[in-house]
Protein backbone atom coordinates (compact mmCIF):
# COMPACT_ATOMS: atom_id res chain seq x y z
CA MET A 1 -8.06 14.83 107.60
CA PHE A 2 -8.35 11.06 107.26
CA THR A 3 -11.87 9.95 106.34
CA GLY A 4 -11.33 6.31 105.41
CA THR A 5 -11.89 3.04 107.24
CA VAL A 6 -9.17 1.12 109.06
CA LYS A 7 -9.86 -2.58 109.60
CA VAL A 8 -8.25 -3.89 112.78
CA LYS A 9 -7.89 -7.68 112.60
CA LEU A 10 -8.44 -9.43 115.92
CA SER A 11 -6.10 -12.16 117.15
CA VAL A 12 -9.08 -14.19 118.36
CA PRO A 13 -12.73 -13.74 117.38
CA LEU A 14 -14.82 -11.71 119.80
CA LYS A 15 -18.05 -13.50 120.64
CA TRP A 16 -20.74 -10.88 121.19
CA GLU A 17 -24.41 -11.74 121.38
CA ASP A 18 -25.11 -13.87 118.31
CA ARG A 19 -22.01 -13.13 116.25
CA ASP A 20 -18.29 -13.77 116.03
CA ILE A 21 -16.39 -10.56 115.29
CA THR A 22 -13.02 -11.08 113.58
CA GLU A 23 -12.20 -7.45 112.81
CA ILE A 24 -13.18 -3.99 113.95
CA SER A 25 -13.90 -1.56 111.09
CA LEU A 26 -13.09 1.95 112.27
CA ASP A 27 -14.97 4.28 109.89
CA PHE A 28 -13.42 7.69 110.56
CA SER A 29 -15.88 9.40 108.20
CA LYS A 30 -18.43 8.97 111.01
CA VAL A 31 -16.52 11.25 113.41
CA LYS A 32 -18.50 14.45 113.92
CA GLY A 33 -18.54 17.10 116.63
CA ALA A 34 -21.31 15.20 118.41
CA THR A 35 -19.08 12.09 118.47
CA ILE A 36 -16.30 13.99 120.21
CA ASN A 37 -18.72 15.53 122.72
CA GLN A 38 -20.30 12.18 123.52
CA CYS A 39 -16.90 10.55 124.09
CA GLU A 40 -15.86 13.38 126.42
CA ARG A 41 -19.13 13.27 128.35
CA GLU A 42 -19.03 9.51 128.85
CA THR A 43 -15.33 9.44 129.77
CA PHE A 44 -15.57 12.29 132.28
CA GLN A 45 -18.86 11.09 133.79
CA GLN A 46 -17.04 7.88 134.71
CA GLY A 47 -14.53 10.01 136.63
CA ASN A 48 -11.68 9.32 134.21
CA PHE A 49 -9.75 12.54 133.83
CA SER A 50 -7.00 10.98 131.71
CA GLY A 51 -9.30 11.95 128.83
CA ILE A 52 -7.93 15.47 129.11
CA ILE A 53 -5.25 14.33 126.66
CA ARG A 54 -7.73 12.61 124.38
CA SER A 55 -5.26 10.92 122.04
CA GLN A 56 -3.60 9.16 125.01
CA SER A 57 -6.77 8.10 126.81
CA ALA A 58 -7.60 4.44 126.23
CA GLU A 59 -11.16 4.96 127.43
CA TYR A 60 -11.85 8.06 125.32
CA CYS A 61 -10.44 6.44 122.18
CA ALA A 62 -12.23 3.13 122.81
CA ARG A 63 -15.51 5.00 123.23
CA MET A 64 -14.91 6.70 119.88
CA ALA A 65 -14.02 3.33 118.35
CA ALA A 66 -17.35 1.97 119.58
CA LEU A 67 -19.29 4.83 118.03
CA ILE A 68 -17.58 4.65 114.63
CA SER A 69 -17.47 0.85 114.38
CA GLY A 70 -20.92 -0.04 115.67
CA ILE A 71 -19.37 -2.43 118.23
CA PRO A 72 -20.58 -1.63 121.76
CA PHE A 73 -18.00 -0.16 124.16
CA ARG A 74 -18.69 -3.02 126.59
CA ALA A 75 -17.77 -5.50 123.86
CA LEU A 76 -14.51 -3.70 123.10
CA GLU A 77 -13.58 -3.92 126.78
CA LYS A 78 -13.75 -7.71 126.47
CA LEU A 79 -11.02 -7.81 123.81
CA PRO A 80 -7.63 -9.30 124.72
CA ALA A 81 -5.18 -6.57 125.71
CA ASP A 82 -3.22 -6.63 122.44
CA ASP A 83 -6.37 -6.29 120.35
CA TYR A 84 -7.75 -3.56 122.62
CA ASP A 85 -4.45 -1.69 122.31
CA ALA A 86 -4.55 -1.94 118.50
CA VAL A 87 -8.08 -0.51 118.43
CA TRP A 88 -7.74 2.36 120.86
CA GLN A 89 -4.25 3.37 119.76
CA THR A 90 -5.32 3.47 116.10
CA VAL A 91 -8.13 5.84 117.10
CA GLY A 92 -5.60 7.73 119.25
CA ALA A 93 -3.46 8.31 116.15
CA TYR A 94 -6.48 9.83 114.41
CA VAL A 95 -7.34 12.00 117.42
CA GLY A 96 -3.70 13.13 117.52
CA LYS A 97 -3.97 14.26 113.87
CA ARG A 98 -1.89 11.39 112.45
CA ASN A 99 -2.90 9.00 109.70
CA PRO A 100 -4.53 6.04 111.51
CA GLN A 101 -3.98 3.62 108.60
CA GLU A 102 -0.24 4.34 108.58
CA PHE A 103 -0.17 3.97 112.36
CA TYR A 104 -1.99 0.63 112.22
CA ASN A 105 0.31 -0.63 109.47
CA GLN A 106 3.35 0.18 111.63
CA PHE A 107 1.68 -1.16 114.77
CA THR A 108 1.10 -4.55 113.16
CA ALA A 109 4.33 -4.72 111.12
CA GLY A 110 6.13 -6.40 114.03
CA ASP A 111 3.54 -9.20 114.06
CA GLU A 112 4.42 -10.21 110.51
CA GLU A 113 8.15 -10.07 111.25
CA GLU A 114 7.68 -12.31 114.30
CA GLU A 115 5.72 -14.85 112.28
CA ALA A 116 8.43 -14.90 109.61
CA ALA A 117 11.12 -15.33 112.29
CA GLY A 118 9.30 -18.26 113.88
CA ASP A 119 7.57 -16.32 116.69
CA ARG A 120 10.24 -16.07 119.35
CA GLU A 121 7.85 -15.06 122.14
CA GLY A 122 7.76 -11.43 121.00
CA PHE A 123 11.46 -10.79 121.49
CA THR A 124 13.38 -8.74 118.96
CA ASP A 125 16.94 -9.29 117.81
CA PRO A 126 19.54 -7.64 120.01
CA ALA A 127 20.92 -4.35 118.81
CA GLU A 128 24.27 -4.39 117.13
CA LYS A 129 27.07 -3.06 119.27
CA PRO A 130 28.89 -0.10 117.76
CA ASP A 131 32.53 -0.61 116.81
CA ARG A 132 34.78 0.79 119.50
CA LYS A 133 37.93 2.36 118.17
């Protein structure tokens, strides 16, 4: 089980109360049974039943991210979509029993490739056509 911390870098700083947050530190050593129960209670009380598959529920995973990072859930909801996705999906990898650091590294690998290629609006190179014989 992964017990380290994954640092999710934000594309733009999140202004919350009196601070500018530039990264979200997801400390997975803080996940306990009570954390899981609290995330389930809060997700289901809001009427969101997509939390049944916890690793695929943005709300469930974002609530866990809030608890293990110390950043309030309401603040996480104010993140731009790409940053929010990086946070909740990294937690989702953990919940799904995958290594969240490896997931995050793969999730952000495309960003570095785009920067190196001159940022072509997020488009990838076309696939090579197979030789037809």
